[in-house]
Amino acid sequence: MGLSDAHSLLAWVLIVTNAVAGVWVLGANWWAALRSRVMWWSVAVAMAVVVAQVALGVAVQEIDDIESPPLHALYGFTALIAVGVIYSYAKQMRDRQYVVYGFGLLFIMGLGIRELFLA
């Protein structure tokens, strides 16, 4: 498995982890029983996958000396920036943190889907 294959596989991991964590956190906004430490770990994993995916994408470009498809890098770096924005806004909006994280993670999932189809 080369770097490019790993990048393609990690794209699916990004989509699934952000979808699961996003839906879980949105559900926790309305059902307190869903709120747990494991939920926050799933959010952390989903966000870490975004960072790993962007780093791997940059490595693929540099090592394999290839150009990314149009807008592909834009969506990747937008997802990375979204992680920071989500984290900072959720801390400022404690009363709505579940909504911010939930929709933010689903936004990142959507970026991942869009990136996958652009590539």
PDB file of N, CA and C in Angstrom:
ATOM      1  N   MET A   1       0.856  -1.181   0.000  1.00  0.00           N
ATOM      2  CA  MET A   1       0.000   0.000   0.000  1.00  0.00           C
ATOM      3  C   MET A   1       0.897   1.238   0.000  1.00  0.00           C
ATOM      4  N   GLY A   2       0.708   2.073  -0.987  1.00  0.00           N
ATOM      5  CA  GLY A   2       1.487   3.292  -1.076  1.00  0.00           C
ATOM      6  C   GLY A   2       0.824   4.439  -0.332  1.00  0.00           C
ATOM      7  N   LEU A   3       1.477   5.569  -0.329  1.00  0.00           N
ATOM      8  CA  LEU A   3       0.932   6.749   0.351  1.00  0.00           C
ATOM      9  C   LEU A   3      -0.391   7.184  -0.262  1.00  0.00           C
ATOM     10  N   SER A   4      -0.480   7.122  -1.572  1.00  0.00           N
ATOM     11  CA  SER A   4      -1.711   7.535  -2.241  1.00  0.00           C
ATOM     12  C   SER A   4      -2.887   6.634  -1.851  1.00  0.00           C
ATOM     13  N   ASP A   5      -2.622   5.323  -1.760  1.00  0.00           N
ATOM     14  CA  ASP A   5      -3.664   4.385  -1.335  1.00  0.00           C
ATOM     15  C   ASP A   5      -4.072   4.639   0.111  1.00  0.00           C
ATOM     16  N   ALA A   6      -3.095   4.919   0.959  1.00  0.00           N
ATOM     17  CA  ALA A   6      -3.381   5.220   2.363  1.00  0.00           C
ATOM     18  C   ALA A   6      -4.207   6.504   2.474  1.00  0.00           C
ATOM     19  N   HIS A   7      -3.895   7.484   1.634  1.00  0.00           N
ATOM     20  CA  HIS A   7      -4.650   8.742   1.626  1.00  0.00           C
ATOM     21  C   HIS A   7      -6.102   8.494   1.206  1.00  0.00           C
ATOM     22  N   SER A   8      -6.302   7.643   0.223  1.00  0.00           N
ATOM     23  CA  SER A   8      -7.666   7.309  -0.224  1.00  0.00           C
ATOM     24  C   SER A   8      -8.435   6.555   0.855  1.00  0.00           C
ATOM     25  N   LEU A   9      -7.767   5.614   1.509  1.00  0.00           N
ATOM     26  CA  LEU A   9      -8.411   4.860   2.587  1.00  0.00           C
ATOM     27  C   LEU A   9      -8.741   5.771   3.768  1.00  0.00           C
ATOM     28  N   LEU A  10      -7.811   6.649   4.119  1.00  0.00           N
ATOM     29  CA  LEU A  10      -8.039   7.549   5.244  1.00  0.00           C
ATOM     30  C   LEU A  10      -9.170   8.533   4.957  1.00  0.00           C
ATOM     31  N   ALA A  11      -9.429   8.802   3.676  1.00  0.00           N
ATOM     32  CA  ALA A  11     -10.560   9.667   3.325  1.00  0.00           C
ATOM     33  C   ALA A  11     -11.868   9.036   3.800  1.00  0.00           C
ATOM     34  N   TRP A  12     -11.997   7.732   3.599  1.00  0.00           N
ATOM     35  CA  TRP A  12     -13.211   7.043   4.070  1.00  0.00           C
ATOM     36  C   TRP A  12     -13.277   7.029   5.597  1.00  0.00           C
ATOM     37  N   VAL A  13     -12.133   6.858   6.243  1.00  0.00           N
ATOM     38  CA  VAL A  13     -12.094   6.895   7.710  1.00  0.00           C
ATOM     39  C   VAL A  13     -12.529   8.270   8.195  1.00  0.00           C
ATOM     40  N   LEU A  14     -12.054   9.328   7.536  1.00  0.00           N
ATOM     41  CA  LEU A  14     -12.445  10.695   7.890  1.00  0.00           C
ATOM     42  C   LEU A  14     -13.958  10.872   7.773  1.00  0.00           C
ATOM     43  N   ILE A  15     -14.518  10.416   6.676  1.00  0.00           N
ATOM     44  CA  ILE A  15     -15.963  10.568   6.448  1.00  0.00           C
ATOM     45  C   ILE A  15     -16.760   9.825   7.517  1.00  0.00           C
ATOM     46  N   VAL A  16     -16.398   8.582   7.769  1.00  0.00           N
ATOM     47  CA  VAL A  16     -17.164   7.759   8.727  1.00  0.00           C
ATOM     48  C   VAL A  16     -16.999   8.268  10.159  1.00  0.00           C
ATOM     49  N   THR A  17     -15.767   8.567  10.577  1.00  0.00           N
ATOM     50  CA  THR A  17     -15.572   9.004  11.963  1.00  0.00           C
ATOM     51  C   THR A  17     -16.266  10.336  12.233  1.00  0.00           C
ATOM     52  N   ASN A  18     -16.206  11.258  11.286  1.00  0.00           N
ATOM     53  CA  ASN A  18     -16.866  12.543  11.486  1.00  0.00           C
ATOM     54  C   ASN A  18     -18.384  12.406  11.434  1.00  0.00           C
ATOM     55  N   ALA A  19     -18.893  11.513  10.599  1.00  0.00           N
ATOM     56  CA  ALA A  19     -20.335  11.282  10.549  1.00  0.00           C
ATOM     57  C   ALA A  19     -20.840  10.694  11.865  1.00  0.00           C
ATOM     58  N   VAL A  20     -20.160   9.661  12.339  1.00  0.00           N
ATOM     59  CA  VAL A  20     -20.584   8.999  13.585  1.00  0.00           C
ATOM     60  C   VAL A  20     -20.494   9.964  14.767  1.00  0.00           C
ATOM     61  N   ALA A  21     -19.354  10.635  14.898  1.00  0.00           N
ATOM     62  CA  ALA A  21     -19.178  11.565  16.013  1.00  0.00           C
ATOM     63  C   ALA A  21     -20.164  12.726  15.914  1.00  0.00           C
ATOM     64  N   GLY A  22     -20.387  13.246  14.708  1.00  0.00           N
ATOM     65  CA  GLY A  22     -21.313  14.363  14.527  1.00  0.00           C
ATOM     66  C   GLY A  22     -22.740  14.013  14.913  1.00  0.00           C
ATOM     67  N   VAL A  23     -23.201  12.869  14.451  1.00  0.00           N
ATOM     68  CA  VAL A  23     -24.563  12.435  14.788  1.00  0.00           C
ATOM     69  C   VAL A  23     -24.671  12.143  16.283  1.00  0.00           C
ATOM     70  N   TRP A  24     -23.656  11.527  16.857  1.00  0.00           N
ATOM     71  CA  TRP A  24     -23.645  11.210  18.284  1.00  0.00           C
ATOM     72  C   TRP A  24     -23.729  12.485  19.122  1.00  0.00           C
ATOM     73  N   VAL A  25     -22.915  13.477  18.782  1.00  0.00           N
ATOM     74  CA  VAL A  25     -22.899  14.721  19.559  1.00  0.00           C
ATOM     75  C   VAL A  25     -24.214  15.485  19.377  1.00  0.00           C
ATOM     76  N   LEU A  26     -24.755  15.495  18.168  1.00  0.00           N
ATOM     77  CA  LEU A  26     -26.064  16.151  17.978  1.00  0.00           C
ATOM     78  C   LEU A  26     -27.138  15.448  18.790  1.00  0.00           C
ATOM     79  N   GLY A  27     -27.101  14.122  18.818  1.00  0.00           N
ATOM     80  CA  GLY A  27     -28.055  13.379  19.643  1.00  0.00           C
ATOM     81  C   GLY A  27     -27.896  13.698  21.113  1.00  0.00           C
ATOM     82  N   ALA A  28     -26.657  13.895  21.541  1.00  0.00           N
ATOM     83  CA  ALA A  28     -26.385  14.224  22.946  1.00  0.00           C
ATOM     84  C   ALA A  28     -26.926  15.598  23.323  1.00  0.00           C
ATOM     85  N   ASN A  29     -27.149  16.440  22.336  1.00  0.00           N
ATOM     86  CA  ASN A  29     -27.747  17.743  22.617  1.00  0.00           C
ATOM     87  C   ASN A  29     -29.155  17.589  23.179  1.00  0.00           C
ATOM     88  N   TRP A  30     -29.868  16.567  22.720  1.00  0.00           N
ATOM     89  CA  TRP A  30     -31.253  16.370  23.160  1.00  0.00           C
ATOM     90  C   TRP A  30     -31.399  15.244  24.173  1.00  0.00           C
ATOM     91  N   TRP A  31     -30.519  14.239  24.149  1.00  0.00           N
ATOM     92  CA  TRP A  31     -30.625  13.118  25.073  1.00  0.00           C
ATOM     93  C   TRP A  31     -29.370  13.035  25.925  1.00  0.00           C
ATOM     94  N   ALA A  32     -29.510  13.398  27.166  1.00  0.00           N
ATOM     95  CA  ALA A  32     -28.366  13.434  28.080  1.00  0.00           C
ATOM     96  C   ALA A  32     -27.721  12.060  28.256  1.00  0.00           C
ATOM     97  N   ALA A  33     -28.468  11.004  28.024  1.00  0.00           N
ATOM     98  CA  ALA A  33     -27.919   9.653  28.181  1.00  0.00           C
ATOM     99  C   ALA A  33     -26.781   9.380  27.185  1.00  0.00           C
ATOM    100  N   LEU A  34     -26.749  10.108  26.087  1.00  0.00           N
ATOM    101  CA  LEU A  34     -25.700   9.915  25.088  1.00  0.00           C
ATOM    102  C   LEU A  34     -24.401  10.625  25.447  1.00  0.00           C
ATOM    103  N   ARG A  35     -24.458  11.509  26.423  1.00  0.00           N
ATOM    104  CA  ARG A  35     -23.271  12.271  26.819  1.00  0.00           C
ATOM    105  C   ARG A  35     -22.352  11.398  27.668  1.00  0.00           C
ATOM    106  N   SER A  36     -21.137  11.241  27.181  1.00  0.00           N
ATOM    107  CA  SER A  36     -20.176  10.418  27.918  1.00  0.00           C
ATOM    108  C   SER A  36     -18.764  10.825  27.534  1.00  0.00           C
ATOM    109  N   ARG A  37     -17.844  10.313  28.291  1.00  0.00           N
ATOM    110  CA  ARG A  37     -16.432  10.563  27.989  1.00  0.00           C
ATOM    111  C   ARG A  37     -16.055   9.923  26.655  1.00  0.00           C
ATOM    112  N   VAL A  38     -16.640   8.771  26.349  1.00  0.00           N
ATOM    113  CA  VAL A  38     -16.360   8.082  25.088  1.00  0.00           C
ATOM    114  C   VAL A  38     -16.813   8.934  23.901  1.00  0.00           C
ATOM    115  N   MET A  39     -17.919   9.663  24.066  1.00  0.00           N
ATOM    116  CA  MET A  39     -18.384  10.550  23.002  1.00  0.00           C
ATOM    117  C   MET A  39     -17.320  11.589  22.687  1.00  0.00           C
ATOM    118  N   TRP A  40     -16.732  12.189  23.721  1.00  0.00           N
ATOM    119  CA  TRP A  40     -15.705  13.205  23.506  1.00  0.00           C
ATOM    120  C   TRP A  40     -14.439  12.596  22.921  1.00  0.00           C
ATOM    121  N   TRP A  41     -14.140  11.358  23.263  1.00  0.00           N
ATOM    122  CA  TRP A  41     -13.008  10.676  22.643  1.00  0.00           C
ATOM    123  C   TRP A  41     -13.269  10.455  21.157  1.00  0.00           C
ATOM    124  N   SER A  42     -14.509  10.146  20.801  1.00  0.00           N
ATOM    125  CA  SER A  42     -14.828   9.960  19.378  1.00  0.00           C
ATOM    126  C   SER A  42     -14.670  11.270  18.612  1.00  0.00           C
ATOM    127  N   VAL A  43     -15.007  12.385  19.252  1.00  0.00           N
ATOM    128  CA  VAL A  43     -14.804  13.704  18.637  1.00  0.00           C
ATOM    129  C   VAL A  43     -13.312  13.951  18.431  1.00  0.00           C
ATOM    130  N   ALA A  44     -12.520  13.641  19.448  1.00  0.00           N
ATOM    131  CA  ALA A  44     -11.071  13.844  19.347  1.00  0.00           C
ATOM    132  C   ALA A  44     -10.463  12.984  18.243  1.00  0.00           C
ATOM    133  N   VAL A  45     -10.909  11.744  18.138  1.00  0.00           N
ATOM    134  CA  VAL A  45     -10.406  10.854  17.089  1.00  0.00           C
ATOM    135  C   VAL A  45     -10.791  11.395  15.718  1.00  0.00           C
ATOM    136  N   ALA A  46     -12.048  11.833  15.560  1.00  0.00           N
ATOM    137  CA  ALA A  46     -12.507  12.371  14.277  1.00  0.00           C
ATOM    138  C   ALA A  46     -11.680  13.584  13.866  1.00  0.00           C
ATOM    139  N   MET A  47     -11.376  14.437  14.816  1.00  0.00           N
ATOM    140  CA  MET A  47     -10.578  15.630  14.506  1.00  0.00           C
ATOM    141  C   MET A  47      -9.118  15.273  14.236  1.00  0.00           C
ATOM    142  N   ALA A  48      -8.603  14.295  14.936  1.00  0.00           N
ATOM    143  CA  ALA A  48      -7.227  13.855  14.697  1.00  0.00           C
ATOM    144  C   ALA A  48      -7.086  13.229  13.309  1.00  0.00           C
ATOM    145  N   VAL A  49      -8.119  12.548  12.865  1.00  0.00           N
ATOM    146  CA  VAL A  49      -8.098  11.955  11.528  1.00  0.00           C
ATOM    147  C   VAL A  49      -8.006  13.053  10.466  1.00  0.00           C
ATOM    148  N   VAL A  50      -8.670  14.184  10.703  1.00  0.00           N
ATOM    149  CA  VAL A  50      -8.587  15.308   9.763  1.00  0.00           C
ATOM    150  C   VAL A  50      -7.139  15.784   9.654  1.00  0.00           C
ATOM    151  N   VAL A  51      -6.489  15.962  10.782  1.00  0.00           N
ATOM    152  CA  VAL A  51      -5.096  16.418  10.791  1.00  0.00           C
ATOM    153  C   VAL A  51      -4.201  15.398  10.076  1.00  0.00           C
ATOM    154  N   ALA A  52      -4.410  14.117  10.361  1.00  0.00           N
ATOM    155  CA  ALA A  52      -3.606  13.069   9.727  1.00  0.00           C
ATOM    156  C   ALA A  52      -3.849  13.027   8.217  1.00  0.00           C
ATOM    157  N   GLN A  53      -5.082  13.211   7.803  1.00  0.00           N
ATOM    158  CA  GLN A  53      -5.422  13.171   6.377  1.00  0.00           C
ATOM    159  C   GLN A  53      -4.744  14.315   5.618  1.00  0.00           C
ATOM    160  N   VAL A  54      -4.780  15.500   6.195  1.00  0.00           N
ATOM    161  CA  VAL A  54      -4.138  16.644   5.540  1.00  0.00           C
ATOM    162  C   VAL A  54      -2.622  16.427   5.474  1.00  0.00           C
ATOM    163  N   ALA A  55      -2.027  15.970   6.562  1.00  0.00           N
ATOM    164  CA  ALA A  55      -0.584  15.712   6.574  1.00  0.00           C
ATOM    165  C   ALA A  55      -0.214  14.643   5.548  1.00  0.00           C
ATOM    166  N   LEU A  56      -1.016  13.607   5.455  1.00  0.00           N
ATOM    167  CA  LEU A  56      -0.753  12.542   4.491  1.00  0.00           C
ATOM    168  C   LEU A  56      -0.917  13.051   3.060  1.00  0.00           C
ATOM    169  N   GLY A  57      -1.904  13.908   2.841  1.00  0.00           N
ATOM    170  CA  GLY A  57      -2.092  14.496   1.517  1.00  0.00           C
ATOM    171  C   GLY A  57      -0.911  15.342   1.089  1.00  0.00           C
ATOM    172  N   VAL A  58      -0.387  16.119   2.009  1.00  0.00           N
ATOM    173  CA  VAL A  58       0.802  16.928   1.709  1.00  0.00           C
ATOM    174  C   VAL A  58       1.990  16.007   1.420  1.00  0.00           C
ATOM    175  N   ALA A  59       2.118  14.942   2.192  1.00  0.00           N
ATOM    176  CA  ALA A  59       3.215  13.990   1.966  1.00  0.00           C
ATOM    177  C   ALA A  59       3.095  13.323   0.601  1.00  0.00           C
ATOM    178  N   VAL A  60       1.884  12.965   0.215  1.00  0.00           N
ATOM    179  CA  VAL A  60       1.676  12.348  -1.101  1.00  0.00           C
ATOM    180  C   VAL A  60       2.129  13.296  -2.200  1.00  0.00           C
ATOM    181  N   GLN A  61       1.747  14.554  -2.081  1.00  0.00           N
ATOM    182  CA  GLN A  61       2.142  15.528  -3.101  1.00  0.00           C
ATOM    183  C   GLN A  61       3.648  15.711  -3.166  1.00  0.00           C
ATOM    184  N   GLU A  62       4.290  15.795  -2.029  1.00  0.00           N
ATOM    185  CA  GLU A  62       5.729  16.048  -1.991  1.00  0.00           C
ATOM    186  C   GLU A  62       6.552  14.822  -2.390  1.00  0.00           C
ATOM    187  N   ILE A  63       6.209  13.678  -1.844  1.00  0.00           N
ATOM    188  CA  ILE A  63       7.012  12.477  -2.089  1.00  0.00           C
ATOM    189  C   ILE A  63       6.765  11.927  -3.493  1.00  0.00           C
ATOM    190  N   ASP A  64       5.489  11.844  -3.889  1.00  0.00           N
ATOM    191  CA  ASP A  64       5.164  11.303  -5.213  1.00  0.00           C
ATOM    192  C   ASP A  64       5.251  12.354  -6.311  1.00  0.00           C
ATOM    193  N   ASP A  65       5.488  13.603  -5.915  1.00  0.00           N
ATOM    194  CA  ASP A  65       5.627  14.722  -6.849  1.00  0.00           C
ATOM    195  C   ASP A  65       4.452  14.792  -7.837  1.00  0.00           C
ATOM    196  N   ILE A  66       3.245  14.891  -7.255  1.00  0.00           N
ATOM    197  CA  ILE A  66       2.043  14.993  -8.081  1.00  0.00           C
ATOM    198  C   ILE A  66       1.274  16.260  -7.721  1.00  0.00           C
ATOM    199  N   GLU A  67       0.439  16.680  -8.627  1.00  0.00           N
ATOM    200  CA  GLU A  67      -0.449  17.825  -8.399  1.00  0.00           C
ATOM    201  C   GLU A  67      -1.793  17.300  -7.906  1.00  0.00           C
ATOM    202  N   SER A  68      -2.393  18.002  -6.970  1.00  0.00           N
ATOM    203  CA  SER A  68      -3.727  17.590  -6.527  1.00  0.00           C
ATOM    204  C   SER A  68      -4.763  18.104  -7.525  1.00  0.00           C
ATOM    205  N   PRO A  69      -5.913  17.437  -7.596  1.00  0.00           N
ATOM    206  CA  PRO A  69      -6.980  17.915  -8.478  1.00  0.00           C
ATOM    207  C   PRO A  69      -7.421  19.326  -8.067  1.00  0.00           C
ATOM    208  N   PRO A  70      -8.023  20.070  -8.986  1.00  0.00           N
ATOM    209  CA  PRO A  70      -8.476  21.426  -8.641  1.00  0.00           C
ATOM    210  C   PRO A  70      -9.399  21.407  -7.414  1.00  0.00           C
ATOM    211  N   LEU A  71      -9.212  22.324  -6.534  1.00  0.00           N
ATOM    212  CA  LEU A  71      -9.985  22.518  -5.307  1.00  0.00           C
ATOM    213  C   LEU A  71      -9.778  21.444  -4.238  1.00  0.00           C
ATOM    214  N   HIS A  72      -9.067  20.375  -4.547  1.00  0.00           N
ATOM    215  CA  HIS A  72      -8.887  19.304  -3.570  1.00  0.00           C
ATOM    216  C   HIS A  72      -8.139  19.807  -2.328  1.00  0.00           C
ATOM    217  N   ALA A  73      -7.060  20.511  -2.547  1.00  0.00           N
ATOM    218  CA  ALA A  73      -6.292  21.036  -1.409  1.00  0.00           C
ATOM    219  C   ALA A  73      -7.100  22.083  -0.642  1.00  0.00           C
ATOM    220  N   LEU A  74      -7.895  22.856  -1.357  1.00  0.00           N
ATOM    221  CA  LEU A  74      -8.739  23.853  -0.687  1.00  0.00           C
ATOM    222  C   LEU A  74      -9.698  23.192   0.294  1.00  0.00           C
ATOM    223  N   TYR A  75     -10.365  22.124  -0.142  1.00  0.00           N
ATOM    224  CA  TYR A  75     -11.282  21.426   0.750  1.00  0.00           C
ATOM    225  C   TYR A  75     -10.540  20.786   1.919  1.00  0.00           C
ATOM    226  N   GLY A  76      -9.360  20.240   1.669  1.00  0.00           N
ATOM    227  CA  GLY A  76      -8.583  19.629   2.742  1.00  0.00           C
ATOM    228  C   GLY A  76      -8.172  20.635   3.809  1.00  0.00           C
ATOM    229  N   PHE A  77      -7.642  21.773   3.362  1.00  0.00           N
ATOM    230  CA  PHE A  77      -7.218  22.774   4.338  1.00  0.00           C
ATOM    231  C   PHE A  77      -8.415  23.465   4.990  1.00  0.00           C
ATOM    232  N   THR A  78      -9.543  23.534   4.287  1.00  0.00           N
ATOM    233  CA  THR A  78     -10.763  24.067   4.909  1.00  0.00           C
ATOM    234  C   THR A  78     -11.207  23.158   6.050  1.00  0.00           C
ATOM    235  N   ALA A  79     -11.110  21.853   5.844  1.00  0.00           N
ATOM    236  CA  ALA A  79     -11.451  20.904   6.915  1.00  0.00           C
ATOM    237  C   ALA A  79     -10.519  21.081   8.108  1.00  0.00           C
ATOM    238  N   LEU A  80      -9.240  21.288   7.841  1.00  0.00           N
ATOM    239  CA  LEU A  80      -8.276  21.495   8.921  1.00  0.00           C
ATOM    240  C   LEU A  80      -8.574  22.777   9.688  1.00  0.00           C
ATOM    241  N   ILE A  81      -8.877  23.832   8.977  1.00  0.00           N
ATOM    242  CA  ILE A  81      -9.226  25.104   9.627  1.00  0.00           C
ATOM    243  C   ILE A  81     -10.531  24.956  10.402  1.00  0.00           C
ATOM    244  N   ALA A  82     -11.466  24.181   9.854  1.00  0.00           N
ATOM    245  CA  ALA A  82     -12.750  23.967  10.528  1.00  0.00           C
ATOM    246  C   ALA A  82     -12.551  23.321  11.898  1.00  0.00           C
ATOM    247  N   VAL A  83     -11.583  22.439  12.014  1.00  0.00           N
ATOM    248  CA  VAL A  83     -11.307  21.806  13.311  1.00  0.00           C
ATOM    249  C   VAL A  83     -10.991  22.873  14.352  1.00  0.00           C
ATOM    250  N   GLY A  84     -10.126  23.807  14.002  1.00  0.00           N
ATOM    251  CA  GLY A  84      -9.776  24.885  14.940  1.00  0.00           C
ATOM    252  C   GLY A  84     -10.937  25.804  15.237  1.00  0.00           C
ATOM    253  N   VAL A  85     -11.716  26.128  14.229  1.00  0.00           N
ATOM    254  CA  VAL A  85     -12.866  27.014  14.416  1.00  0.00           C
ATOM    255  C   VAL A  85     -13.913  26.343  15.300  1.00  0.00           C
ATOM    256  N   ILE A  86     -14.193  25.090  15.040  1.00  0.00           N
ATOM    257  CA  ILE A  86     -15.180  24.351  15.847  1.00  0.00           C
ATOM    258  C   ILE A  86     -14.739  24.315  17.307  1.00  0.00           C
ATOM    259  N   TYR A  87     -13.487  23.974  17.520  1.00  0.00           N
ATOM    260  CA  TYR A  87     -12.975  23.873  18.883  1.00  0.00           C
ATOM    261  C   TYR A  87     -13.083  25.212  19.606  1.00  0.00           C
ATOM    262  N   SER A  88     -12.685  26.292  18.951  1.00  0.00           N
ATOM    263  CA  SER A  88     -12.695  27.590  19.630  1.00  0.00           C
ATOM    264  C   SER A  88     -14.115  28.105  19.859  1.00  0.00           C
ATOM    265  N   TYR A  89     -14.999  27.926  18.892  1.00  0.00           N
ATOM    266  CA  TYR A  89     -16.375  28.389  19.089  1.00  0.00           C
ATOM    267  C   TYR A  89     -17.114  27.560  20.131  1.00  0.00           C
ATOM    268  N   ALA A  90     -16.878  26.272  20.143  1.00  0.00           N
ATOM    269  CA  ALA A  90     -17.568  25.430  21.122  1.00  0.00           C
ATOM    270  C   ALA A  90     -17.168  25.801  22.543  1.00  0.00           C
ATOM    271  N   LYS A  91     -15.918  26.178  22.732  1.00  0.00           N
ATOM    272  CA  LYS A  91     -15.476  26.594  24.065  1.00  0.00           C
ATOM    273  C   LYS A  91     -16.120  27.921  24.471  1.00  0.00           C
ATOM    274  N   GLN A  92     -16.352  28.801  23.498  1.00  0.00           N
ATOM    275  CA  GLN A  92     -16.982  30.090  23.788  1.00  0.00           C
ATOM    276  C   GLN A  92     -18.489  29.958  23.983  1.00  0.00           C
ATOM    277  N   MET A  93     -19.087  28.976  23.349  1.00  0.00           N
ATOM    278  CA  MET A  93     -20.545  28.803  23.397  1.00  0.00           C
ATOM    279  C   MET A  93     -20.891  27.533  24.181  1.00  0.00           C
ATOM    280  N   ARG A  94     -20.548  27.528  25.445  1.00  0.00           N
ATOM    281  CA  ARG A  94     -20.751  26.346  26.279  1.00  0.00           C
ATOM    282  C   ARG A  94     -22.192  25.826  26.246  1.00  0.00           C
ATOM    283  N   ASP A  95     -23.153  26.742  26.183  1.00  0.00           N
ATOM    284  CA  ASP A  95     -24.557  26.319  26.212  1.00  0.00           C
ATOM    285  C   ASP A  95     -24.996  25.659  24.901  1.00  0.00           C
ATOM    286  N   ARG A  96     -24.203  25.826  23.837  1.00  0.00           N
ATOM    287  CA  ARG A  96     -24.549  25.227  22.541  1.00  0.00           C
ATOM    288  C   ARG A  96     -23.405  24.381  21.983  1.00  0.00           C
ATOM    289  N   GLN A  97     -22.532  23.911  22.835  1.00  0.00           N
ATOM    290  CA  GLN A  97     -21.349  23.201  22.356  1.00  0.00           C
ATOM    291  C   GLN A  97     -21.697  21.923  21.596  1.00  0.00           C
ATOM    292  N   TYR A  98     -22.762  21.236  21.983  1.00  0.00           N
ATOM    293  CA  TYR A  98     -23.126  20.003  21.285  1.00  0.00           C
ATOM    294  C   TYR A  98     -23.559  20.298  19.853  1.00  0.00           C
ATOM    295  N   VAL A  99     -24.293  21.371  19.673  1.00  0.00           N
ATOM    296  CA  VAL A  99     -24.748  21.758  18.342  1.00  0.00           C
ATOM    297  C   VAL A  99     -23.558  22.187  17.480  1.00  0.00           C
ATOM    298  N   VAL A 100     -22.654  22.963  18.062  1.00  0.00           N
ATOM    299  CA  VAL A 100     -21.474  23.425  17.321  1.00  0.00           C
ATOM    300  C   VAL A 100     -20.626  22.233  16.891  1.00  0.00           C
ATOM    301  N   TYR A 101     -20.319  21.342  17.811  1.00  0.00           N
ATOM    302  CA  TYR A 101     -19.523  20.166  17.465  1.00  0.00           C
ATOM    303  C   TYR A 101     -20.264  19.273  16.469  1.00  0.00           C
ATOM    304  N   GLY A 102     -21.535  19.034  16.717  1.00  0.00           N
ATOM    305  CA  GLY A 102     -22.296  18.131  15.854  1.00  0.00           C
ATOM    306  C   GLY A 102     -22.357  18.607  14.411  1.00  0.00           C
ATOM    307  N   PHE A 103     -22.810  19.839  14.211  1.00  0.00           N
ATOM    308  CA  PHE A 103     -22.900  20.345  12.844  1.00  0.00           C
ATOM    309  C   PHE A 103     -21.515  20.580  12.245  1.00  0.00           C
ATOM    310  N   GLY A 104     -20.555  20.956  13.076  1.00  0.00           N
ATOM    311  CA  GLY A 104     -19.194  21.148  12.583  1.00  0.00           C
ATOM    312  C   GLY A 104     -18.589  19.857  12.061  1.00  0.00           C
ATOM    313  N   LEU A 105     -18.776  18.773  12.794  1.00  0.00           N
ATOM    314  CA  LEU A 105     -18.257  17.484  12.349  1.00  0.00           C
ATOM    315  C   LEU A 105     -18.977  16.998  11.095  1.00  0.00           C
ATOM    316  N   LEU A 106     -20.264  17.261  11.013  1.00  0.00           N
ATOM    317  CA  LEU A 106     -20.994  16.890   9.794  1.00  0.00           C
ATOM    318  C   LEU A 106     -20.545  17.741   8.608  1.00  0.00           C
ATOM    319  N   PHE A 107     -20.179  18.998   8.860  1.00  0.00           N
ATOM    320  CA  PHE A 107     -19.628  19.853   7.807  1.00  0.00           C
ATOM    321  C   PHE A 107     -18.312  19.268   7.297  1.00  0.00           C
ATOM    322  N   ILE A 108     -17.459  18.836   8.222  1.00  0.00           N
ATOM    323  CA  ILE A 108     -16.187  18.223   7.827  1.00  0.00           C
ATOM    324  C   ILE A 108     -16.438  16.937   7.051  1.00  0.00           C
ATOM    325  N   MET A 109     -17.422  16.155   7.473  1.00  0.00           N
ATOM    326  CA  MET A 109     -17.783  14.946   6.744  1.00  0.00           C
ATOM    327  C   MET A 109     -18.160  15.299   5.304  1.00  0.00           C
ATOM    328  N   GLY A 110     -18.958  16.356   5.149  1.00  0.00           N
ATOM    329  CA  GLY A 110     -19.363  16.798   3.816  1.00  0.00           C
ATOM    330  C   GLY A 110     -18.179  17.234   2.968  1.00  0.00           C
ATOM    331  N   LEU A 111     -17.224  17.915   3.593  1.00  0.00           N
ATOM    332  CA  LEU A 111     -16.004  18.282   2.870  1.00  0.00           C
ATOM    333  C   LEU A 111     -15.246  17.033   2.424  1.00  0.00           C
ATOM    334  N   GLY A 112     -15.206  16.040   3.283  1.00  0.00           N
ATOM    335  CA  GLY A 112     -14.534  14.784   2.938  1.00  0.00           C
ATOM    336  C   GLY A 112     -15.200  14.087   1.766  1.00  0.00           C
ATOM    337  N   ILE A 113     -16.526  14.078   1.765  1.00  0.00           N
ATOM    338  CA  ILE A 113     -17.255  13.473   0.646  1.00  0.00           C
ATOM    339  C   ILE A 113     -16.967  14.237  -0.639  1.00  0.00           C
ATOM    340  N   ARG A 114     -16.999  15.556  -0.542  1.00  0.00           N
ATOM    341  CA  ARG A 114     -16.735  16.393  -1.717  1.00  0.00           C
ATOM    342  C   ARG A 114     -15.304  16.166  -2.234  1.00  0.00           C
ATOM    343  N   GLU A 115     -14.339  16.080  -1.318  1.00  0.00           N
ATOM    344  CA  GLU A 115     -12.954  15.844  -1.726  1.00  0.00           C
ATOM    345  C   GLU A 115     -12.797  14.494  -2.426  1.00  0.00           C
ATOM    346  N   LEU A 116     -13.472  13.490  -1.881  1.00  0.00           N
ATOM    347  CA  LEU A 116     -13.360  12.151  -2.439  1.00  0.00           C
ATOM    348  C   LEU A 116     -13.860  12.127  -3.877  1.00  0.00           C
ATOM    349  N   PHE A 117     -14.937  12.819  -4.154  1.00  0.00           N
ATOM    350  CA  PHE A 117     -15.478  12.813  -5.501  1.00  0.00           C
ATOM    351  C   PHE A 117     -14.732  13.743  -6.448  1.00  0.00           C
ATOM    352  N   LEU A 118     -14.009  14.721  -5.921  1.00  0.00           N
ATOM    353  CA  LEU A 118     -13.174  15.571  -6.769  1.00  0.00           C
ATOM    354  C   LEU A 118     -11.912  14.843  -7.195  1.00  0.00           C
ATOM    355  N   ALA A 119     -11.427  13.966  -6.317  1.00  0.00           N
ATOM    356  CA  ALA A 119     -10.195  13.233  -6.632  1.00  0.00           C
ATOM    357  C   ALA A 119     -10.536  12.148  -7.596  1.00  0.00           C
TER     358      ALA A 119
END
